[in-house]
């Protein structure tokens, strides 16, 4: 299990996380990541890390795994 944390104040809506991992990082109606604090299983942890790496603002952290 891994925990995905998104700092919504740092998110600027590039949506690169969603482009890489749409299952882990859905977008809200305004095009910003809808996740703020979520636990993902081991199968999704790698996708979460890829989405976090794609974020140019470094607004996403993946903890654990």
Protein backbone atom coordinates (compact mmCIF):
# COMPACT_ATOMS: atom_id res chain seq x y z
CA UNK A 1 0.00 0.00 0.00
CA UNK A 2 1.11 3.55 -0.70
CA UNK A 3 -0.34 6.91 0.23
CA UNK A 4 -0.73 9.63 -2.40
CA UNK A 5 -0.64 13.21 -1.14
CA UNK A 6 -1.38 16.18 -3.38
CA UNK A 7 -0.73 19.78 -2.35
CA UNK A 8 -3.67 21.47 -4.08
CA UNK A 9 -2.10 24.90 -3.48
CA UNK A 10 0.92 23.89 -5.57
CA UNK A 11 -1.11 22.25 -8.37
CA UNK A 12 -1.36 24.53 -11.39
CA UNK A 13 -3.47 22.25 -13.59
CA UNK A 14 -0.90 20.89 -16.06
CA UNK A 15 -2.70 17.51 -15.74
CA UNK A 16 0.47 15.57 -16.56
CA UNK A 17 -0.23 13.25 -13.63
CA UNK A 18 -3.58 12.40 -15.22
CA UNK A 19 -2.00 11.92 -18.64
CA UNK A 20 0.40 9.35 -17.17
CA UNK A 21 -1.90 7.70 -14.61
CA UNK A 22 -5.57 8.62 -15.13
CA UNK A 23 -6.82 5.86 -12.81
CA UNK A 24 -4.85 7.28 -9.87
CA UNK A 25 -5.18 10.98 -10.71
CA UNK A 26 -8.70 11.91 -11.85
CA UNK A 27 -9.33 15.57 -12.62
CA UNK A 28 -12.03 17.82 -11.22
CA UNK A 29 -14.33 19.97 -13.38
CA UNK A 30 -11.69 22.72 -13.53
CA UNK A 31 -8.93 20.40 -14.79
CA UNK A 32 -7.05 20.11 -11.51
CA UNK A 33 -6.18 16.83 -9.83
CA UNK A 34 -9.11 15.69 -7.68
CA UNK A 35 -7.04 13.56 -5.27
CA UNK A 36 -5.73 15.14 -2.07
CA UNK A 37 -5.06 12.14 0.16
CA UNK A 38 -5.60 8.60 -1.04
CA UNK A 39 -4.33 5.12 -0.29
CA UNK A 40 -3.56 2.99 -3.34
CA UNK A 41 -2.77 -0.71 -3.50
CA UNK A 42 0.58 -2.10 -4.55
CA UNK A 43 -0.56 -2.52 -8.16
CA UNK A 44 -1.34 1.21 -8.45
CA UNK A 45 1.68 2.43 -6.46
CA UNK A 46 3.97 2.36 -9.50
CA UNK A 47 1.41 4.36 -11.50
CA UNK A 48 1.15 6.84 -8.62
CA UNK A 49 4.92 7.30 -8.59
CA UNK A 50 4.96 7.84 -12.37
CA UNK A 51 2.24 10.48 -12.07
CA UNK A 52 4.10 12.21 -9.24
CA UNK A 53 7.29 12.24 -11.30
CA UNK A 54 5.40 13.81 -14.22
CA UNK A 55 4.23 16.77 -12.10
CA UNK A 56 6.33 19.83 -13.01
CA UNK A 57 5.28 21.60 -9.80
CA UNK A 58 6.24 18.63 -7.58
CA UNK A 59 2.84 18.92 -5.93
CA UNK A 60 2.47 15.14 -5.50
CA UNK A 61 4.16 12.85 -2.99
CA UNK A 62 3.87 9.08 -2.78
CA UNK A 63 4.65 7.67 0.64
CA UNK A 64 5.26 4.03 1.41
CA UNK A 65 5.31 1.00 -0.81
